[in-house]
Amino acid sequence: MENKERIIEEMQQVVLQMKLDDIEENPESEYELFTCSACAKDMPLAGSIQYSKYRLCNDCVLMYELALKLNKIKNIEEFMAKTEDIRLKEMCDFIKKDSSKELN
C-alpha cells in the first residue's frame, strides 16, 4: 500500500510540474480553455496532454497516468471507455444549467 501512495504522490508532483512549466513557457495557457476529452469540462490548456486523438486536462492526465502505472488500464481507449459516465454527467449538468439560463 505504501508503494501505491508513493507512486501517487510522485505522479501528482510530475503532473503539477508539467502544468507549471506550461504556464512559465506560455502564461496565457493558464487562461486558454479547451474541452477535456475525458471529463468534458472546459479546462486550462496548461498541463494538458494530447494522447492520440484525445486531449486530456491536467487532472485527467494525472488519473490516466496513474491508471496506467497501477495497471488498471492498458491504453487511452480503455481510459476513455472507463470515463464515459463522467462525461455524460458533465454534459447533462451543462444542459441543465443552459436550460435554466433560458428560463430566467
C-alpha atoms as a PDB file:
ATOM      1  CA  MET A   1       0.000   0.000   0.000  1.00  0.00           C
ATOM      2  CA  GLU A   2       2.852   2.360   0.837  1.00  0.00           C
ATOM      3  CA  ASN A   3       4.286   1.870  -2.646  1.00  0.00           C
ATOM      4  CA  LYS A   4       0.949   2.834  -4.234  1.00  0.00           C
ATOM      5  CA  GLU A   5       0.788   6.034  -2.162  1.00  0.00           C
ATOM      6  CA  ARG A   6       4.362   6.906  -3.121  1.00  0.00           C
ATOM      7  CA  ILE A   7       3.551   6.378  -6.821  1.00  0.00           C
ATOM      8  CA  ILE A   8       0.504   8.647  -6.485  1.00  0.00           C
ATOM      9  CA  GLU A   9       2.484  11.395  -4.719  1.00  0.00           C
ATOM     10  CA  GLU A  10       5.289  11.249  -7.286  1.00  0.00           C
ATOM     11  CA  MET A  11       2.847  11.354 -10.186  1.00  0.00           C
ATOM     12  CA  GLN A  12       0.979  14.311  -8.646  1.00  0.00           C
ATOM     13  CA  GLN A  13       4.275  16.226  -8.451  1.00  0.00           C
ATOM     14  CA  VAL A  14       5.210  15.379 -12.053  1.00  0.00           C
ATOM     15  CA  VAL A  15       1.814  16.418 -13.437  1.00  0.00           C
ATOM     16  CA  LEU A  16       1.756  19.638 -11.380  1.00  0.00           C
ATOM     17  CA  GLN A  17       5.262  20.480 -12.624  1.00  0.00           C
ATOM     18  CA  MET A  18       4.109  19.953 -16.236  1.00  0.00           C
ATOM     19  CA  LYS A  19       1.346  22.487 -15.651  1.00  0.00           C
ATOM     20  CA  LEU A  20       3.720  24.991 -14.014  1.00  0.00           C
ATOM     21  CA  ASP A  21       6.229  24.548 -16.871  1.00  0.00           C
ATOM     22  CA  ASP A  22       3.483  25.203 -19.442  1.00  0.00           C
ATOM     23  CA  ILE A  23       2.426  28.375 -17.610  1.00  0.00           C
ATOM     24  CA  GLU A  24       6.040  29.564 -17.370  1.00  0.00           C
ATOM     25  CA  GLU A  25       6.564  28.903 -21.086  1.00  0.00           C
ATOM     26  CA  ASN A  26       3.225  30.434 -22.104  1.00  0.00           C
ATOM     27  CA  PRO A  27       1.408  32.371 -19.331  1.00  0.00           C
ATOM     28  CA  GLU A  28      -1.754  32.568 -21.474  1.00  0.00           C
ATOM     29  CA  SER A  29      -2.109  28.763 -21.355  1.00  0.00           C
ATOM     30  CA  GLU A  30      -3.461  29.120 -17.818  1.00  0.00           C
ATOM     31  CA  TYR A  31      -6.462  31.026 -19.212  1.00  0.00           C
ATOM     32  CA  GLU A  32      -6.889  29.383 -22.628  1.00  0.00           C
ATOM     33  CA  LEU A  33      -9.633  26.805 -22.231  1.00  0.00           C
ATOM     34  CA  PHE A  34     -10.463  23.626 -24.124  1.00  0.00           C
ATOM     35  CA  THR A  35     -12.990  20.858 -23.505  1.00  0.00           C
ATOM     36  CA  CYS A  36     -11.260  17.848 -21.989  1.00  0.00           C
ATOM     37  CA  SER A  37     -11.915  14.644 -23.905  1.00  0.00           C
ATOM     38  CA  ALA A  38     -12.184  12.628 -20.676  1.00  0.00           C
ATOM     39  CA  CYS A  39     -14.148  14.776 -18.206  1.00  0.00           C
ATOM     40  CA  ALA A  40     -15.876  17.057 -20.770  1.00  0.00           C
ATOM     41  CA  LYS A  41     -15.131  20.139 -18.643  1.00  0.00           C
ATOM     42  CA  ASP A  42     -13.704  23.357 -20.020  1.00  0.00           C
ATOM     43  CA  MET A  43     -10.208  23.315 -18.579  1.00  0.00           C
ATOM     44  CA  PRO A  44      -6.967  25.310 -18.954  1.00  0.00           C
ATOM     45  CA  LEU A  45      -4.618  24.273 -21.724  1.00  0.00           C
ATOM     46  CA  ALA A  46      -1.719  24.418 -19.235  1.00  0.00           C
ATOM     47  CA  GLY A  47      -0.681  20.924 -18.226  1.00  0.00           C
ATOM     48  CA  SER A  48      -2.918  19.229 -20.761  1.00  0.00           C
ATOM     49  CA  ILE A  49      -1.590  16.467 -22.997  1.00  0.00           C
ATOM     50  CA  GLN A  50      -2.692  15.123 -26.365  1.00  0.00           C
ATOM     51  CA  TYR A  51      -2.945  11.319 -26.367  1.00  0.00           C
ATOM     52  CA  SER A  52      -3.781  10.027 -29.816  1.00  0.00           C
ATOM     53  CA  LYS A  53      -6.991  11.856 -30.788  1.00  0.00           C
ATOM     54  CA  TYR A  54      -7.819  12.839 -27.178  1.00  0.00           C
ATOM     55  CA  ARG A  55      -6.674  15.925 -25.269  1.00  0.00           C
ATOM     56  CA  LEU A  56      -6.805  15.483 -21.503  1.00  0.00           C
ATOM     57  CA  CYS A  57      -6.781  18.243 -18.903  1.00  0.00           C
ATOM     58  CA  ASN A  58      -4.116  18.213 -16.199  1.00  0.00           C
ATOM     59  CA  ASP A  59      -6.454  16.463 -13.710  1.00  0.00           C
ATOM     60  CA  CYS A  60      -7.317  13.727 -16.208  1.00  0.00           C
ATOM     61  CA  VAL A  61      -3.648  13.369 -17.237  1.00  0.00           C
ATOM     62  CA  LEU A  62      -2.984  12.516 -13.597  1.00  0.00           C
ATOM     63  CA  MET A  63      -5.819   9.969 -13.496  1.00  0.00           C
ATOM     64  CA  TYR A  64      -4.757   8.425 -16.820  1.00  0.00           C
ATOM     65  CA  GLU A  65      -1.066   8.183 -15.969  1.00  0.00           C
ATOM     66  CA  LEU A  66      -1.847   6.714 -12.538  1.00  0.00           C
ATOM     67  CA  ALA A  67      -4.242   4.171 -14.034  1.00  0.00           C
ATOM     68  CA  LEU A  68      -1.503   3.133 -16.485  1.00  0.00           C
ATOM     69  CA  LYS A  69       1.197   2.982 -13.813  1.00  0.00           C
ATOM     70  CA  LEU A  70      -1.026   0.958 -11.465  1.00  0.00           C
ATOM     71  CA  ASN A  71      -2.010  -1.409 -14.303  1.00  0.00           C
ATOM     72  CA  LYS A  72      -5.714  -0.515 -14.110  1.00  0.00           C
ATOM     73  CA  ILE A  73      -5.837   0.149 -17.873  1.00  0.00           C
ATOM     74  CA  LYS A  74      -3.707  -0.616 -20.917  1.00  0.00           C
ATOM     75  CA  ASN A  75      -4.262   2.404 -23.197  1.00  0.00           C
ATOM     76  CA  ILE A  76      -6.089   5.686 -23.808  1.00  0.00           C
ATOM     77  CA  GLU A  77      -9.082   3.961 -25.417  1.00  0.00           C
ATOM     78  CA  GLU A  78      -9.632   1.904 -22.279  1.00  0.00           C
ATOM     79  CA  PHE A  79      -9.365   5.052 -20.147  1.00  0.00           C
ATOM     80  CA  MET A  80     -11.896   6.846 -22.344  1.00  0.00           C
ATOM     81  CA  ALA A  81     -14.311   3.920 -22.010  1.00  0.00           C
ATOM     82  CA  LYS A  82     -13.948   3.964 -18.219  1.00  0.00           C
ATOM     83  CA  THR A  83     -14.564   7.737 -18.025  1.00  0.00           C
ATOM     84  CA  GLU A  84     -17.696   7.726 -20.195  1.00  0.00           C
ATOM     85  CA  ASP A  85     -20.029   8.135 -17.188  1.00  0.00           C
ATOM     86  CA  ILE A  86     -18.085  11.216 -16.054  1.00  0.00           C
ATOM     87  CA  ARG A  87     -18.507  12.813 -19.497  1.00  0.00           C
ATOM     88  CA  LEU A  88     -22.211  12.012 -19.650  1.00  0.00           C
ATOM     89  CA  LYS A  89     -22.802  13.514 -16.197  1.00  0.00           C
ATOM     90  CA  GLU A  90     -20.900  16.669 -17.129  1.00  0.00           C
ATOM     91  CA  MET A  91     -22.866  17.045 -20.376  1.00  0.00           C
ATOM     92  CA  CYS A  92     -26.173  16.571 -18.543  1.00  0.00           C
ATOM     93  CA  ASP A  93     -25.152  19.159 -15.932  1.00  0.00           C
ATOM     94  CA  PHE A  94     -24.212  21.568 -18.723  1.00  0.00           C
ATOM     95  CA  ILE A  95     -27.565  21.080 -20.440  1.00  0.00           C
ATOM     96  CA  LYS A  96     -29.430  21.632 -17.139  1.00  0.00           C
ATOM     97  CA  LYS A  97     -27.508  24.869 -16.477  1.00  0.00           C
ATOM     98  CA  ASP A  98     -28.062  26.041 -20.050  1.00  0.00           C
ATOM     99  CA  SER A  99     -31.814  25.311 -19.829  1.00  0.00           C
ATOM    100  CA  SER A 100     -32.157  27.176 -16.548  1.00  0.00           C
ATOM    101  CA  LYS A 101     -30.437  30.224 -18.080  1.00  0.00           C
ATOM    102  CA  GLU A 102     -33.002  30.254 -20.895  1.00  0.00           C
ATOM    103  CA  LEU A 103     -35.862  30.099 -18.397  1.00  0.00           C
ATOM    104  CA  ASN A 104     -34.589  33.124 -16.452  1.00  0.00           C
END
